[in-house]
PDB file of N, CA and C in Angstrom:
ATOM      1  N   MET A   1     285.283 230.353 202.195  1.00  0.00           N
ATOM      2  CA  MET A   1     283.964 230.787 202.611  1.00  0.00           C
ATOM      3  C   MET A   1     283.281 231.596 201.505  1.00  0.00           C
ATOM      4  N   LYS A   2     284.018 232.454 200.869  1.00  0.00           N
ATOM      5  CA  LYS A   2     283.428 233.250 199.797  1.00  0.00           C
ATOM      6  C   LYS A   2     283.087 232.385 198.593  1.00  0.00           C
ATOM      7  N   GLN A   3     283.842 231.310 198.384  1.00  0.00           N
ATOM      8  CA  GLN A   3     283.574 230.438 197.256  1.00  0.00           C
ATOM      9  C   GLN A   3     282.231 229.738 197.397  1.00  0.00           C
ATOM     10  N   GLU A   4     281.883 229.314 198.614  1.00  0.00           N
ATOM     11  CA  GLU A   4     280.591 228.651 198.829  1.00  0.00           C
ATOM     12  C   GLU A   4     279.439 229.610 198.578  1.00  0.00           C
ATOM     13  N   ILE A   5     279.612 230.843 199.017  1.00  0.00           N
ATOM     14  CA  ILE A   5     278.553 231.836 198.809  1.00  0.00           C
ATOM     15  C   ILE A   5     278.412 232.150 197.328  1.00  0.00           C
ATOM     16  N   LEU A   6     279.537 232.297 196.639  1.00  0.00           N
ATOM     17  CA  LEU A   6     279.496 232.585 195.203  1.00  0.00           C
ATOM     18  C   LEU A   6     278.887 231.420 194.424  1.00  0.00           C
ATOM     19  N   ALA A   7     279.329 230.199 194.724  1.00  0.00           N
ATOM     20  CA  ALA A   7     278.789 229.031 194.026  1.00  0.00           C
ATOM     21  C   ALA A   7     277.302 228.859 194.326  1.00  0.00           C
ATOM     22  N   GLY A   8     276.927 229.059 195.576  1.00  0.00           N
ATOM     23  CA  GLY A   8     275.515 228.957 195.940  1.00  0.00           C
ATOM     24  C   GLY A   8     274.667 230.001 195.239  1.00  0.00           C
ATOM     25  N   SER A   9     275.200 231.213 195.122  1.00  0.00           N
ATOM     26  CA  SER A   9     274.466 232.272 194.435  1.00  0.00           C
ATOM     27  C   SER A   9     274.283 231.958 192.956  1.00  0.00           C
ATOM     28  N   VAL A  10     275.339 231.437 192.335  1.00  0.00           N
ATOM     29  CA  VAL A  10     275.254 231.086 190.911  1.00  0.00           C
ATOM     30  C   VAL A  10     274.221 229.978 190.700  1.00  0.00           C
ATOM     31  N   LEU A  11     274.268 228.953 191.534  1.00  0.00           N
ATOM     32  CA  LEU A  11     273.292 227.864 191.407  1.00  0.00           C
ATOM     33  C   LEU A  11     271.868 228.367 191.650  1.00  0.00           C
ATOM     34  N   ALA A  12     271.703 229.242 192.633  1.00  0.00           N
ATOM     35  CA  ALA A  12     270.375 229.780 192.910  1.00  0.00           C
ATOM     36  C   ALA A  12     269.859 230.620 191.742  1.00  0.00           C
ATOM     37  N   ILE A  13     270.741 231.387 191.118  1.00  0.00           N
ATOM     38  CA  ILE A  13     270.331 232.197 189.964  1.00  0.00           C
ATOM     39  C   ILE A  13     269.943 231.299 188.794  1.00  0.00           C
ATOM     40  N   ILE A  14     270.722 230.251 188.556  1.00  0.00           N
ATOM     41  CA  ILE A  14     270.382 229.312 187.485  1.00  0.00           C
ATOM     42  C   ILE A  14     269.033 228.655 187.765  1.00  0.00           C
ATOM     43  N   GLY A  15     268.829 228.224 189.004  1.00  0.00           N
ATOM     44  CA  GLY A  15     267.568 227.587 189.368  1.00  0.00           C
ATOM     45  C   GLY A  15     266.381 228.524 189.230  1.00  0.00           C
ATOM     46  N   LEU A  16     266.532 229.754 189.685  1.00  0.00           N
ATOM     47  CA  LEU A  16     265.434 230.709 189.572  1.00  0.00           C
ATOM     48  C   LEU A  16     265.157 231.066 188.118  1.00  0.00           C
ATOM     49  N   SER A  17     266.206 231.131 187.306  1.00  0.00           N
ATOM     50  CA  SER A  17     265.967 231.427 185.887  1.00  0.00           C
ATOM     51  C   SER A  17     265.239 230.273 185.200  1.00  0.00           C
ATOM     52  N   LEU A  18     265.522 229.034 185.615  1.00  0.00           N
ATOM     53  CA  LEU A  18     264.773 227.904 185.059  1.00  0.00           C
ATOM     54  C   LEU A  18     263.315 227.944 185.481  1.00  0.00           C
ATOM     55  N   LEU A  19     263.048 228.505 186.648  1.00  0.00           N
ATOM     56  CA  LEU A  19     261.659 228.613 187.104  1.00  0.00           C
ATOM     57  C   LEU A  19     260.934 229.789 186.459  1.00  0.00           C
ATOM     58  N   ILE A  20     261.667 230.860 186.169  1.00  0.00           N
ATOM     59  CA  ILE A  20     261.033 232.065 185.626  1.00  0.00           C
ATOM     60  C   ILE A  20     260.780 231.939 184.121  1.00  0.00           C
ATOM     61  N   VAL A  21     261.783 231.444 183.390  1.00  0.00           N
ATOM     62  CA  VAL A  21     261.657 231.325 181.933  1.00  0.00           C
ATOM     63  C   VAL A  21     260.708 230.182 181.602  1.00  0.00           C
ATOM     64  N   SER A  22     259.859 230.411 180.649  1.00  0.00           N
ATOM     65  CA  SER A  22     258.908 229.396 180.212  1.00  0.00           C
ATOM     66  C   SER A  22     259.645 228.200 179.613  1.00  0.00           C
ATOM     67  N   PRO A  23     259.247 226.982 179.980  1.00  0.00           N
ATOM     68  CA  PRO A  23     259.890 225.811 179.377  1.00  0.00           C
ATOM     69  C   PRO A  23     259.763 225.784 177.858  1.00  0.00           C
ATOM     70  N   ASN A  24     258.681 226.342 177.322  1.00  0.00           N
ATOM     71  CA  ASN A  24     258.507 226.396 175.870  1.00  0.00           C
ATOM     72  C   ASN A  24     259.586 227.260 175.219  1.00  0.00           C
ATOM     73  N   LYS A  25     259.880 228.427 175.811  1.00  0.00           N
ATOM     74  CA  LYS A  25     260.912 229.298 175.263  1.00  0.00           C
ATOM     75  C   LYS A  25     262.292 228.665 175.400  1.00  0.00           C
ATOM     76  N   LEU A  26     262.534 228.034 176.525  1.00  0.00           N
ATOM     77  CA  LEU A  26     263.808 227.364 176.738  1.00  0.00           C
ATOM     78  C   LEU A  26     263.995 226.234 175.726  1.00  0.00           C
ATOM     79  N   TRP A  27     262.927 225.496 175.459  1.00  0.00           N
ATOM     80  CA  TRP A  27     262.982 224.414 174.469  1.00  0.00           C
ATOM     81  C   TRP A  27     263.243 224.965 173.077  1.00  0.00           C
ATOM     82  N   MET A  28     262.595 226.092 172.747  1.00  0.00           N
ATOM     83  CA  MET A  28     262.798 226.675 171.417  1.00  0.00           C
ATOM     84  C   MET A  28     264.244 227.118 171.221  1.00  0.00           C
ATOM     85  N   ILE A  29     264.888 227.589 172.276  1.00  0.00           N
ATOM     86  CA  ILE A  29     266.267 228.048 172.175  1.00  0.00           C
ATOM     87  C   ILE A  29     267.233 226.872 172.109  1.00  0.00           C
ATOM     88  N   THR A  30     266.984 225.845 172.918  1.00  0.00           N
ATOM     89  CA  THR A  30     267.996 224.796 173.077  1.00  0.00           C
ATOM     90  C   THR A  30     267.719 223.511 172.301  1.00  0.00           C
ATOM     91  N   GLU A  31     266.474 223.175 172.034  1.00  0.00           N
ATOM     92  CA  GLU A  31     266.165 221.854 171.497  1.00  0.00           C
ATOM     93  C   GLU A  31     265.426 221.840 170.166  1.00  0.00           C
ATOM     94  N   LYS A  32     264.786 222.917 169.777  1.00  0.00           N
ATOM     95  CA  LYS A  32     263.939 222.899 168.594  1.00  0.00           C
ATOM     96  C   LYS A  32     264.724 222.583 167.325  1.00  0.00           C
ATOM     97  N   TRP A  33     265.948 223.040 167.249  1.00  0.00           N
ATOM     98  CA  TRP A  33     266.750 222.819 166.042  1.00  0.00           C
ATOM     99  C   TRP A  33     267.058 221.345 165.824  1.00  0.00           C
ATOM    100  N   LYS A  34     266.859 220.517 166.833  1.00  0.00           N
ATOM    101  CA  LYS A  34     267.151 219.094 166.706  1.00  0.00           C
ATOM    102  C   LYS A  34     266.000 218.304 166.094  1.00  0.00           C
ATOM    103  N   THR A  35     264.831 218.920 165.944  1.00  0.00           N
ATOM    104  CA  THR A  35     263.674 218.215 165.403  1.00  0.00           C
ATOM    105  C   THR A  35     263.376 218.707 163.991  1.00  0.00           C
ATOM    106  N   ASP A  36     262.826 217.830 163.186  1.00  0.00           N
ATOM    107  CA  ASP A  36     262.447 218.190 161.823  1.00  0.00           C
ATOM    108  C   ASP A  36     261.028 218.723 161.734  1.00  0.00           C
ATOM    109  N   GLU A  37     260.211 218.337 162.649  1.00  0.00           N
ATOM    110  CA  GLU A  37     258.802 218.725 162.608  1.00  0.00           C
ATOM    111  C   GLU A  37     258.544 219.911 163.529  1.00  0.00           C
ATOM    112  N   ASP A  38     257.500 220.667 163.194  1.00  0.00           N
ATOM    113  CA  ASP A  38     257.090 221.755 164.083  1.00  0.00           C
ATOM    114  C   ASP A  38     256.330 221.150 165.245  1.00  0.00           C
ATOM    115  N   GLY A  39     256.745 221.464 166.398  1.00  0.00           N
ATOM    116  CA  GLY A  39     256.103 220.900 167.566  1.00  0.00           C
ATOM    117  C   GLY A  39     256.397 221.732 168.784  1.00  0.00           C
ATOM    118  N   LYS A  40     256.127 221.146 169.886  1.00  0.00           N
ATOM    119  CA  LYS A  40     256.408 221.802 171.151  1.00  0.00           C
ATOM    120  C   LYS A  40     256.970 220.763 172.111  1.00  0.00           C
ATOM    121  N   PRO A  41     257.515 221.215 173.213  1.00  0.00           N
ATOM    122  CA  PRO A  41     258.148 220.271 174.131  1.00  0.00           C
ATOM    123  C   PRO A  41     257.127 219.336 174.771  1.00  0.00           C
ATOM    124  N   SER A  42     257.623 218.175 175.146  1.00  0.00           N
ATOM    125  CA  SER A  42     256.738 217.211 175.797  1.00  0.00           C
ATOM    126  C   SER A  42     256.457 217.656 177.228  1.00  0.00           C
ATOM    127  N   LEU A  43     255.445 217.072 177.790  1.00  0.00           N
ATOM    128  CA  LEU A  43     255.087 217.382 179.174  1.00  0.00           C
ATOM    129  C   LEU A  43     256.216 216.977 180.116  1.00  0.00           C
ATOM    130  N   SER A  44     256.874 215.875 179.831  1.00  0.00           N
ATOM    131  CA  SER A  44     257.980 215.433 180.696  1.00  0.00           C
ATOM    132  C   SER A  44     259.141 216.423 180.651  1.00  0.00           C
ATOM    133  N   TYR A  45     259.404 217.036 179.511  1.00  0.00           N
ATOM    134  CA  TYR A  45     260.456 218.052 179.410  1.00  0.00           C
ATOM    135  C   TYR A  45     260.104 219.255 180.278  1.00  0.00           C
ATOM    136  N   CYS A  46     258.869 219.703 180.212  1.00  0.00           N
ATOM    137  CA  CYS A  46     258.439 220.856 181.004  1.00  0.00           C
ATOM    138  C   CYS A  46     258.536 220.565 182.494  1.00  0.00           C
ATOM    139  N   ILE A  47     258.108 219.396 182.891  1.00  0.00           N
ATOM    140  CA  ILE A  47     258.181 219.019 184.305  1.00  0.00           C
ATOM    141  C   ILE A  47     259.638 218.917 184.745  1.00  0.00           C
ATOM    142  N   LEU A  48     260.481 218.317 183.913  1.00  0.00           N
ATOM    143  CA  LEU A  48     261.892 218.168 184.249  1.00  0.00           C
ATOM    144  C   LEU A  48     262.563 219.529 184.433  1.00  0.00           C
ATOM    145  N   MET A  49     262.262 220.491 183.583  1.00  0.00           N
ATOM    146  CA  MET A  49     262.865 221.812 183.714  1.00  0.00           C
ATOM    147  C   MET A  49     262.438 222.490 185.009  1.00  0.00           C
ATOM    148  N   ARG A  50     261.178 222.327 185.385  1.00  0.00           N
ATOM    149  CA  ARG A  50     260.703 222.908 186.647  1.00  0.00           C
ATOM    150  C   ARG A  50     261.359 222.231 187.849  1.00  0.00           C
ATOM    151  N   VAL A  51     261.469 220.913 187.810  1.00  0.00           N
ATOM    152  CA  VAL A  51     262.101 220.178 188.914  1.00  0.00           C
ATOM    153  C   VAL A  51     263.572 220.558 189.019  1.00  0.00           C
ATOM    154  N   LEU A  52     264.263 220.651 187.882  1.00  0.00           N
ATOM    155  CA  LEU A  52     265.666 221.064 187.908  1.00  0.00           C
ATOM    156  C   LEU A  52     265.822 222.476 188.462  1.00  0.00           C
ATOM    157  N   GLY A  53     264.902 223.357 188.141  1.00  0.00           N
ATOM    158  CA  GLY A  53     264.944 224.710 188.699  1.00  0.00           C
ATOM    159  C   GLY A  53     264.811 224.702 190.207  1.00  0.00           C
ATOM    160  N   ILE A  54     263.896 223.890 190.719  1.00  0.00           N
ATOM    161  CA  ILE A  54     263.713 223.788 192.165  1.00  0.00           C
ATOM    162  C   ILE A  54     264.953 223.195 192.823  1.00  0.00           C
ATOM    163  N   VAL A  55     265.513 222.155 192.211  1.00  0.00           N
ATOM    164  CA  VAL A  55     266.706 221.501 192.776  1.00  0.00           C
ATOM    165  C   VAL A  55     267.893 222.461 192.776  1.00  0.00           C
ATOM    166  N   PHE A  56     268.148 223.130 191.663  1.00  0.00           N
ATOM    167  CA  PHE A  56     269.277 224.053 191.593  1.00  0.00           C
ATOM    168  C   PHE A  56     269.109 225.188 192.593  1.00  0.00           C
ATOM    169  N   ALA A  57     267.912 225.756 192.682  1.00  0.00           N
ATOM    170  CA  ALA A  57     267.691 226.850 193.622  1.00  0.00           C
ATOM    171  C   ALA A  57     267.859 226.368 195.059  1.00  0.00           C
ATOM    172  N   GLY A  58     267.329 225.205 195.365  1.00  0.00           N
ATOM    173  CA  GLY A  58     267.453 224.670 196.724  1.00  0.00           C
ATOM    174  C   GLY A  58     268.891 224.377 197.111  1.00  0.00           C
ATOM    175  N   VAL A  59     269.630 223.741 196.215  1.00  0.00           N
ATOM    176  CA  VAL A  59     271.040 223.442 196.498  1.00  0.00           C
ATOM    177  C   VAL A  59     271.839 224.732 196.590  1.00  0.00           C
ATOM    178  N   GLY A  60     271.548 225.686 195.740  1.00  0.00           N
ATOM    179  CA  GLY A  60     272.258 226.963 195.792  1.00  0.00           C
ATOM    180  C   GLY A  60     272.029 227.698 197.087  1.00  0.00           C
ATOM    181  N   VAL A  61     270.807 227.778 197.534  1.00  0.00           N
ATOM    182  CA  VAL A  61     270.506 228.443 198.803  1.00  0.00           C
ATOM    183  C   VAL A  61     271.132 227.686 199.957  1.00  0.00           C
ATOM    184  N   ALA A  62     271.034 226.372 199.945  1.00  0.00           N
ATOM    185  CA  ALA A  62     271.635 225.573 201.031  1.00  0.00           C
ATOM    186  C   ALA A  62     273.143 225.750 201.074  1.00  0.00           C
ATOM    187  N   LEU A  63     273.782 225.799 199.933  1.00  0.00           N
ATOM    188  CA  LEU A  63     275.221 225.983 199.875  1.00  0.00           C
ATOM    189  C   LEU A  63     275.621 227.375 200.343  1.00  0.00           C
ATOM    190  N   ALA A  64     274.855 228.373 199.966  1.00  0.00           N
ATOM    191  CA  ALA A  64     275.186 229.740 200.329  1.00  0.00           C
ATOM    192  C   ALA A  64     275.017 229.997 201.831  1.00  0.00           C
ATOM    193  N   VAL A  65     274.026 229.404 202.448  1.00  0.00           N
ATOM    194  CA  VAL A  65     273.777 229.696 203.862  1.00  0.00           C
ATOM    195  C   VAL A  65     274.431 228.675 204.790  1.00  0.00           C
ATOM    196  N   SER A  66     275.024 227.631 204.243  1.00  0.00           N
ATOM    197  CA  SER A  66     275.599 226.599 205.102  1.00  0.00           C
ATOM    198  C   SER A  66     276.852 227.075 205.833  1.00  0.00           C
ATOM    199  N   ARG A  67     277.547 228.022 205.281  1.00  0.00           N
ATOM    200  CA  ARG A  67     278.803 228.489 205.888  1.00  0.00           C
ATOM    201  C   ARG A  67     278.661 229.855 206.564  1.00  0.00           C
ATOM    202  N   LEU A  68     277.471 230.389 206.661  1.00  0.00           N
ATOM    203  CA  LEU A  68     277.301 231.701 207.306  1.00  0.00           C
ATOM    204  C   LEU A  68     277.378 231.623 208.793  1.00  0.00           C
TER     205      LEU A  68
END
């Protein structure tokens, strides 16, 4: 029971951090070194990060409250 709450909390924190942190900053930390040109993340990357944040937060909350 405690494992579900802990795992759900971790997933929710990851999801909320993906929603709070700007996709541009996240891209600069994780992906910018892979490109040779100065640029910024694509629109699809930004949308994907927001969707992943929503999914992780939703699954985390569902997992945490499913066993209460």
